[in-house]
């Protein structure tokens, strides 16, 4: 042992991490009446994202996997990886069945018609 330790051996960097909470912008338009949501999901595989209308909320969940480069020895670990779930409470009734989603450049754009 050389006295150097890997980050996962240091107490504050080891243990279970909770993942991350994506940032979200939400706004509405009147013509047509639509709720627009924009979520930051950089590094997330679009196939790992799930969007569900649940009661008066929209729940976006998934996982951002940490890459495991062969032979890597991390010197700094700041990016949060793992499962995530973002619950957005809706102030108005929406037509979730007619919602559209576009994932581009790490951003998930949802357009949900208002009832």
Protein backbone atom coordinates (compact mmCIF):
# COMPACT_ATOMS: atom_id res chain seq x y z
CA UNK A 1 0.00 0.00 0.00
CA UNK A 2 1.43 3.35 -1.04
CA UNK A 3 -0.72 5.42 1.30
CA UNK A 4 -2.90 6.63 -1.57
CA UNK A 5 -6.52 5.58 -1.56
CA UNK A 6 -9.12 5.45 -4.31
CA UNK A 7 -12.11 7.78 -3.84
CA UNK A 8 -14.52 4.94 -3.11
CA UNK A 9 -12.30 4.08 -0.14
CA UNK A 10 -12.74 7.58 1.33
CA UNK A 11 -15.73 7.75 3.68
CA UNK A 12 -17.48 10.78 2.17
CA UNK A 13 -17.35 9.28 -1.33
CA UNK A 14 -18.28 5.72 -0.43
CA UNK A 15 -21.61 4.16 0.33
CA UNK A 16 -24.98 4.26 -1.37
CA UNK A 17 -25.62 7.32 -3.48
CA UNK A 18 -29.21 8.33 -4.11
CA UNK A 19 -28.89 9.25 -7.78
CA UNK A 20 -29.85 12.68 -8.98
CA UNK A 21 -32.88 14.92 -9.40
CA UNK A 22 -33.22 16.38 -12.89
CA UNK A 23 -33.89 20.10 -13.13
CA UNK A 24 -37.24 21.05 -14.73
CA UNK A 25 -38.79 24.11 -16.35
CA UNK A 26 -42.58 24.07 -16.70
CA UNK A 27 -44.82 26.60 -18.43
CA UNK A 28 -48.20 26.74 -20.15
CA UNK A 29 -49.43 28.25 -23.38
CA UNK A 30 -53.02 29.25 -24.19
CA UNK A 31 -53.25 28.66 -27.94
CA UNK A 32 -53.50 25.71 -27.88
CA UNK A 33 -53.83 25.14 -24.11
CA UNK A 34 -50.71 23.08 -23.43
CA UNK A 35 -48.39 22.38 -20.52
CA UNK A 36 -44.71 22.32 -21.54
CA UNK A 37 -42.04 20.63 -19.45
CA UNK A 38 -38.32 20.62 -20.13
CA UNK A 39 -36.12 18.31 -18.07
CA UNK A 40 -32.33 18.09 -18.02
CA UNK A 41 -31.30 14.46 -18.54
CA UNK A 42 -27.73 14.56 -19.88
CA UNK A 43 -26.09 11.18 -20.25
CA UNK A 44 -29.37 9.30 -19.84
CA UNK A 45 -30.29 6.63 -22.38
CA UNK A 46 -33.74 7.62 -23.72
CA UNK A 47 -34.79 3.98 -23.45
CA UNK A 48 -34.19 4.18 -19.68
CA UNK A 49 -36.72 7.00 -19.17
CA UNK A 50 -40.31 6.41 -18.07
CA UNK A 51 -43.03 9.09 -18.00
CA UNK A 52 -46.27 8.33 -16.14
CA UNK A 53 -49.29 10.45 -15.26
CA UNK A 54 -50.18 9.60 -11.67
CA UNK A 55 -53.12 11.38 -10.06
CA UNK A 56 -52.43 15.12 -10.27
CA UNK A 57 -48.74 14.59 -11.03
CA UNK A 58 -46.43 13.67 -13.85
CA UNK A 59 -43.62 11.33 -12.79
CA UNK A 60 -40.42 11.07 -14.84
CA UNK A 61 -38.09 8.28 -13.75
CA UNK A 62 -35.19 6.25 -15.03
CA UNK A 63 -31.51 5.63 -14.48
CA UNK A 64 -28.26 7.27 -15.52
CA UNK A 65 -25.55 4.61 -15.63
CA UNK A 66 -22.00 5.41 -14.58
CA UNK A 67 -19.53 4.52 -17.32
CA UNK A 68 -16.87 1.99 -16.29
CA UNK A 69 -13.81 2.60 -18.46
CA UNK A 70 -11.33 -0.26 -18.31
CA UNK A 71 -8.43 0.56 -16.01
CA UNK A 72 -9.93 3.87 -14.84
CA UNK A 73 -8.83 5.26 -11.48
CA UNK A 74 -11.05 8.19 -10.61
CA UNK A 75 -9.44 11.29 -9.11
CA UNK A 76 -12.67 13.24 -8.69
CA UNK A 77 -16.30 12.14 -8.60
CA UNK A 78 -18.98 14.84 -8.79
CA UNK A 79 -21.54 13.67 -11.34
CA UNK A 80 -24.51 11.90 -9.78
CA UNK A 81 -25.46 8.58 -11.36
CA UNK A 82 -28.05 5.98 -10.56
CA UNK A 83 -31.82 5.95 -10.45
CA UNK A 84 -33.83 9.15 -10.53
CA UNK A 85 -37.44 10.12 -10.10
CA UNK A 86 -38.88 13.59 -10.60
CA UNK A 87 -42.47 14.22 -9.59
CA UNK A 88 -44.07 17.37 -11.01
CA UNK A 89 -47.35 18.38 -9.40
CA UNK A 90 -49.80 19.69 -12.00
CA UNK A 91 -52.07 22.62 -11.21
CA UNK A 92 -54.49 21.76 -14.04
CA UNK A 93 -56.07 18.65 -15.55
CA UNK A 94 -54.12 17.34 -18.52
CA UNK A 95 -54.80 14.96 -21.38
CA UNK A 96 -51.87 12.65 -20.68
CA UNK A 97 -52.95 10.22 -23.43
CA UNK A 98 -52.24 12.90 -26.07
CA UNK A 99 -48.84 13.97 -24.66
CA UNK A 100 -45.77 14.11 -26.88
CA UNK A 101 -42.13 13.68 -25.88
CA UNK A 102 -38.89 14.61 -27.64
CA UNK A 103 -35.44 13.76 -26.28
CA UNK A 104 -32.64 15.75 -27.86
CA UNK A 105 -29.16 16.79 -26.71
CA UNK A 106 -29.80 15.59 -23.15
CA UNK A 107 -33.08 17.47 -22.79
CA UNK A 108 -36.50 15.84 -22.52
CA UNK A 109 -39.30 18.07 -23.84
CA UNK A 110 -42.87 17.06 -22.93
CA UNK A 111 -45.96 18.74 -24.33
CA UNK A 112 -49.16 17.80 -22.54
CA UNK A 113 -52.56 19.17 -23.71
CA UNK A 114 -54.68 20.81 -21.02
CA UNK A 115 -58.30 19.72 -20.66
